[in-house]
N, C-alpha and C. Protein backbone atom coordinates (compact mmCIF):
# COMPACT_ATOMS: atom_id res chain seq x y z
N ASP A 1 13.70 -0.77 -9.26
CA ASP A 1 13.29 0.12 -8.18
C ASP A 1 11.81 -0.04 -7.87
N VAL A 2 11.47 0.17 -6.63
CA VAL A 2 10.09 0.08 -6.20
C VAL A 2 9.44 1.45 -6.41
N VAL A 3 8.24 1.46 -6.96
CA VAL A 3 7.55 2.71 -7.28
C VAL A 3 6.44 2.97 -6.27
N GLY A 4 6.27 4.23 -5.88
CA GLY A 4 5.15 4.62 -5.03
C GLY A 4 5.41 4.64 -3.54
N ILE A 5 6.64 4.34 -3.12
CA ILE A 5 6.92 4.35 -1.67
C ILE A 5 7.94 5.42 -1.30
N GLU A 6 8.24 6.30 -2.24
CA GLU A 6 9.29 7.30 -2.01
C GLU A 6 9.00 8.20 -0.82
N GLU A 7 7.78 8.74 -0.74
CA GLU A 7 7.45 9.66 0.35
C GLU A 7 7.44 8.98 1.72
N PRO A 8 6.73 7.84 1.88
CA PRO A 8 6.80 7.18 3.20
C PRO A 8 8.23 6.76 3.55
N MET A 9 8.99 6.32 2.56
CA MET A 9 10.37 5.91 2.81
C MET A 9 11.20 7.10 3.29
N LYS A 10 11.04 8.23 2.64
CA LYS A 10 11.77 9.44 3.03
C LYS A 10 11.41 9.85 4.46
N GLN A 11 10.12 9.87 4.79
CA GLN A 11 9.68 10.30 6.11
C GLN A 11 10.18 9.37 7.21
N ILE A 12 10.03 8.07 7.02
CA ILE A 12 10.47 7.11 8.04
C ILE A 12 11.98 7.17 8.20
N THR A 13 12.71 7.29 7.10
CA THR A 13 14.17 7.39 7.17
C THR A 13 14.58 8.62 7.97
N GLU A 14 13.92 9.75 7.73
CA GLU A 14 14.21 10.97 8.50
C GLU A 14 13.97 10.76 9.98
N TRP A 15 12.86 10.11 10.33
CA TRP A 15 12.57 9.84 11.74
C TRP A 15 13.66 8.99 12.37
N LEU A 16 14.14 8.00 11.64
CA LEU A 16 15.15 7.08 12.19
C LEU A 16 16.51 7.74 12.38
N VAL A 17 16.90 8.63 11.50
CA VAL A 17 18.26 9.17 11.55
C VAL A 17 18.34 10.51 12.27
N GLN A 18 17.22 11.01 12.80
CA GLN A 18 17.25 12.24 13.58
C GLN A 18 18.22 12.08 14.74
N ASN A 19 18.93 13.16 15.04
CA ASN A 19 19.89 13.13 16.14
C ASN A 19 19.17 13.39 17.46
N ASN A 20 18.68 12.34 18.06
CA ASN A 20 18.14 12.42 19.41
C ASN A 20 18.43 11.10 20.10
N ASP A 21 18.44 11.14 21.41
CA ASP A 21 18.82 9.95 22.17
C ASP A 21 17.63 9.10 22.59
N GLY A 22 16.44 9.44 22.14
CA GLY A 22 15.26 8.68 22.53
C GLY A 22 15.18 7.35 21.81
N LEU A 23 14.42 6.46 22.39
CA LEU A 23 14.18 5.16 21.79
C LEU A 23 13.45 5.34 20.48
N LYS A 24 13.85 4.61 19.46
CA LYS A 24 13.23 4.74 18.15
C LYS A 24 12.43 3.49 17.84
N VAL A 25 11.13 3.62 17.91
CA VAL A 25 10.23 2.54 17.54
C VAL A 25 9.22 3.13 16.56
N ILE A 26 9.17 2.57 15.39
CA ILE A 26 8.23 3.03 14.38
C ILE A 26 7.43 1.83 13.92
N SER A 27 6.12 1.92 14.04
CA SER A 27 5.26 0.82 13.62
C SER A 27 4.73 1.10 12.22
N VAL A 28 4.80 0.09 11.38
CA VAL A 28 4.24 0.17 10.03
C VAL A 28 3.15 -0.90 9.99
N VAL A 29 1.91 -0.46 9.92
CA VAL A 29 0.79 -1.39 9.99
C VAL A 29 -0.14 -1.20 8.79
N GLY A 30 -0.87 -2.24 8.48
CA GLY A 30 -1.83 -2.16 7.38
C GLY A 30 -2.22 -3.55 6.93
N MET A 31 -3.18 -3.60 6.03
CA MET A 31 -3.64 -4.88 5.50
C MET A 31 -2.53 -5.56 4.71
N GLY A 32 -2.62 -6.87 4.60
CA GLY A 32 -1.65 -7.63 3.83
C GLY A 32 -1.64 -7.21 2.37
N GLY A 33 -0.46 -7.23 1.78
CA GLY A 33 -0.34 -6.95 0.36
C GLY A 33 -0.16 -5.48 0.00
N LEU A 34 -0.06 -4.61 1.01
CA LEU A 34 0.09 -3.18 0.74
C LEU A 34 1.53 -2.76 0.49
N GLY A 35 2.49 -3.64 0.79
CA GLY A 35 3.89 -3.30 0.56
C GLY A 35 4.65 -2.87 1.80
N LYS A 36 4.12 -3.22 2.99
CA LYS A 36 4.79 -2.83 4.24
C LYS A 36 6.19 -3.43 4.33
N THR A 37 6.31 -4.72 4.06
CA THR A 37 7.61 -5.38 4.15
C THR A 37 8.58 -4.80 3.14
N THR A 38 8.12 -4.55 1.93
CA THR A 38 8.97 -3.96 0.89
C THR A 38 9.46 -2.59 1.33
N LEU A 39 8.57 -1.77 1.85
CA LEU A 39 8.93 -0.43 2.32
C LEU A 39 9.98 -0.50 3.42
N VAL A 40 9.71 -1.32 4.43
CA VAL A 40 10.61 -1.39 5.59
C VAL A 40 11.95 -2.00 5.20
N LYS A 41 11.96 -2.99 4.31
CA LYS A 41 13.22 -3.60 3.87
C LYS A 41 14.07 -2.57 3.12
N GLN A 42 13.45 -1.73 2.30
CA GLN A 42 14.18 -0.68 1.59
C GLN A 42 14.85 0.27 2.59
N ILE A 43 14.11 0.63 3.64
CA ILE A 43 14.65 1.51 4.67
C ILE A 43 15.75 0.81 5.46
N PHE A 44 15.53 -0.44 5.82
CA PHE A 44 16.51 -1.23 6.57
C PHE A 44 17.84 -1.31 5.82
N ASP A 45 17.79 -1.44 4.50
CA ASP A 45 18.99 -1.57 3.68
C ASP A 45 19.62 -0.24 3.31
N ASP A 46 18.98 0.88 3.62
CA ASP A 46 19.47 2.20 3.26
C ASP A 46 20.76 2.52 4.02
N ALA A 47 21.77 2.99 3.30
CA ALA A 47 23.07 3.28 3.91
C ALA A 47 22.98 4.36 4.98
N SER A 48 22.16 5.37 4.78
CA SER A 48 22.06 6.45 5.78
C SER A 48 21.44 5.96 7.08
N VAL A 49 20.61 4.95 7.01
CA VAL A 49 20.03 4.36 8.22
C VAL A 49 21.07 3.49 8.90
N LYS A 50 21.77 2.66 8.13
CA LYS A 50 22.76 1.74 8.71
C LYS A 50 23.84 2.48 9.49
N VAL A 51 24.33 3.61 8.96
CA VAL A 51 25.41 4.32 9.65
C VAL A 51 24.93 5.06 10.89
N SER A 52 23.62 5.17 11.06
CA SER A 52 23.07 5.88 12.22
C SER A 52 22.95 4.99 13.46
N PHE A 53 23.24 3.70 13.31
CA PHE A 53 23.10 2.76 14.41
C PHE A 53 24.36 1.91 14.53
N ASP A 54 24.63 1.46 15.75
CA ASP A 54 25.78 0.59 15.99
C ASP A 54 25.57 -0.78 15.37
N CYS A 55 24.35 -1.24 15.34
CA CYS A 55 24.03 -2.53 14.72
C CYS A 55 22.54 -2.55 14.40
N HIS A 56 22.16 -3.53 13.62
CA HIS A 56 20.76 -3.67 13.25
C HIS A 56 20.48 -5.13 12.95
N VAL A 57 19.21 -5.50 13.01
CA VAL A 57 18.84 -6.89 12.77
C VAL A 57 17.46 -6.93 12.11
N TRP A 58 17.31 -7.84 11.16
CA TRP A 58 16.03 -8.04 10.46
C TRP A 58 15.41 -9.31 11.01
N VAL A 59 14.19 -9.21 11.52
CA VAL A 59 13.49 -10.36 12.08
C VAL A 59 12.10 -10.42 11.47
N LEU A 60 11.77 -11.57 10.91
CA LEU A 60 10.43 -11.78 10.37
C LEU A 60 9.54 -12.32 11.48
N VAL A 61 8.39 -11.70 11.65
CA VAL A 61 7.46 -12.11 12.69
C VAL A 61 6.12 -12.40 12.04
N SER A 62 5.63 -13.61 12.25
CA SER A 62 4.33 -13.99 11.69
C SER A 62 3.23 -13.59 12.67
N GLU A 63 2.00 -13.80 12.25
CA GLU A 63 0.86 -13.46 13.10
C GLU A 63 0.87 -14.27 14.40
N ASN A 64 1.31 -15.51 14.33
CA ASN A 64 1.37 -16.39 15.51
C ASN A 64 2.82 -16.66 15.86
N PHE A 65 3.49 -15.68 16.44
CA PHE A 65 4.90 -15.85 16.76
C PHE A 65 5.09 -16.09 18.25
N ASN A 66 6.23 -16.67 18.58
CA ASN A 66 6.60 -16.94 19.96
C ASN A 66 7.57 -15.84 20.38
N LEU A 67 7.16 -14.99 21.32
CA LEU A 67 7.96 -13.85 21.73
C LEU A 67 9.34 -14.26 22.23
N GLU A 68 9.39 -15.30 23.05
CA GLU A 68 10.68 -15.75 23.60
C GLU A 68 11.63 -16.17 22.49
N LYS A 69 11.15 -16.96 21.54
CA LYS A 69 12.00 -17.40 20.43
C LYS A 69 12.40 -16.22 19.54
N CYS A 70 11.49 -15.28 19.36
CA CYS A 70 11.78 -14.08 18.57
C CYS A 70 12.91 -13.28 19.23
N LEU A 71 12.83 -13.06 20.54
CA LEU A 71 13.87 -12.32 21.25
C LEU A 71 15.19 -13.07 21.25
N GLN A 72 15.15 -14.39 21.41
CA GLN A 72 16.38 -15.18 21.34
C GLN A 72 17.03 -15.05 19.97
N ASN A 73 16.22 -15.08 18.93
CA ASN A 73 16.72 -14.94 17.57
C ASN A 73 17.35 -13.56 17.36
N MET A 74 16.69 -12.52 17.87
CA MET A 74 17.23 -11.16 17.74
C MET A 74 18.56 -11.03 18.47
N ILE A 75 18.62 -11.51 19.69
CA ILE A 75 19.86 -11.42 20.48
C ILE A 75 20.97 -12.19 19.79
N SER A 76 20.67 -13.37 19.29
CA SER A 76 21.67 -14.18 18.60
C SER A 76 22.22 -13.43 17.38
N LYS A 77 21.33 -12.83 16.59
CA LYS A 77 21.78 -12.08 15.41
C LYS A 77 22.61 -10.86 15.80
N LEU A 78 22.20 -10.16 16.86
CA LEU A 78 22.96 -9.00 17.32
C LEU A 78 24.34 -9.40 17.82
N VAL A 79 24.40 -10.48 18.58
CA VAL A 79 25.69 -10.97 19.09
C VAL A 79 26.62 -11.30 17.94
N ASN A 80 26.09 -11.97 16.91
CA ASN A 80 26.91 -12.30 15.75
C ASN A 80 27.36 -11.05 15.00
N GLU A 81 26.47 -10.07 14.88
CA GLU A 81 26.80 -8.87 14.12
C GLU A 81 27.91 -8.06 14.78
N VAL A 82 27.86 -7.91 16.09
CA VAL A 82 28.86 -7.10 16.77
C VAL A 82 29.97 -7.94 17.39
N LYS A 83 29.93 -9.24 17.13
CA LYS A 83 30.97 -10.18 17.56
C LYS A 83 31.23 -10.09 19.07
N LEU A 84 30.14 -10.13 19.83
CA LEU A 84 30.22 -10.13 21.29
C LEU A 84 30.10 -11.54 21.80
N GLN A 85 30.58 -11.75 23.00
CA GLN A 85 30.31 -13.01 23.68
C GLN A 85 28.83 -12.97 24.07
N PRO A 86 28.14 -14.09 23.99
CA PRO A 86 26.71 -14.10 24.30
C PRO A 86 26.39 -13.46 25.64
N LEU A 87 25.45 -12.55 25.62
CA LEU A 87 24.92 -11.86 26.80
C LEU A 87 25.96 -11.07 27.58
N GLN A 88 27.08 -10.72 26.96
CA GLN A 88 28.07 -9.87 27.60
C GLN A 88 28.23 -8.62 26.76
N ASN A 89 28.41 -7.50 27.42
CA ASN A 89 28.68 -6.22 26.77
C ASN A 89 27.54 -5.70 25.91
N LEU A 90 26.33 -6.23 26.04
CA LEU A 90 25.22 -5.69 25.27
C LEU A 90 24.92 -4.25 25.68
N GLU A 91 25.23 -3.88 26.92
CA GLU A 91 25.00 -2.51 27.35
C GLU A 91 25.94 -1.53 26.66
N ALA A 92 27.00 -2.02 26.03
CA ALA A 92 27.93 -1.15 25.31
C ALA A 92 27.35 -0.66 23.99
N ILE A 93 26.31 -1.28 23.54
CA ILE A 93 25.69 -0.86 22.28
C ILE A 93 24.76 0.31 22.59
N SER A 94 25.09 1.49 22.05
CA SER A 94 24.30 2.67 22.39
C SER A 94 23.00 2.77 21.63
N HIS A 95 22.97 2.28 20.40
CA HIS A 95 21.75 2.34 19.60
C HIS A 95 21.61 1.02 18.86
N ILE A 96 20.43 0.46 18.90
CA ILE A 96 20.15 -0.77 18.18
C ILE A 96 18.93 -0.54 17.31
N ALA A 97 19.08 -0.76 16.02
CA ALA A 97 17.93 -0.64 15.12
C ALA A 97 17.34 -2.03 14.94
N ILE A 98 16.13 -2.18 15.36
CA ILE A 98 15.46 -3.46 15.21
C ILE A 98 14.18 -3.21 14.43
N ILE A 99 14.08 -3.85 13.30
CA ILE A 99 12.87 -3.74 12.51
C ILE A 99 12.19 -5.09 12.55
N VAL A 100 11.00 -5.10 13.10
CA VAL A 100 10.26 -6.34 13.27
C VAL A 100 9.11 -6.35 12.28
N MET A 101 9.05 -7.38 11.47
CA MET A 101 7.96 -7.52 10.50
C MET A 101 7.28 -8.85 10.75
């Protein structure tokens, strides 16, 4: 188990699973080596978060990333997860959890 991230993990998880229809974007920022990726991965893998969304995708983003390739990668992963035909029926997904690191 990871030690020292219980409170931020609890707070972010609560924000994500709140019953509201608004867009959910939560930024986790800080200097390298603070445990941001570890924290967010723990939340991403949490069962209570997973059941709150129709689908979810984990995308690693470096400091010098290509936005177009990143979006193509996300769409490809989402299409595979929900077994949709490419670029069809994406509007049927009511909630998408995307955690970008």
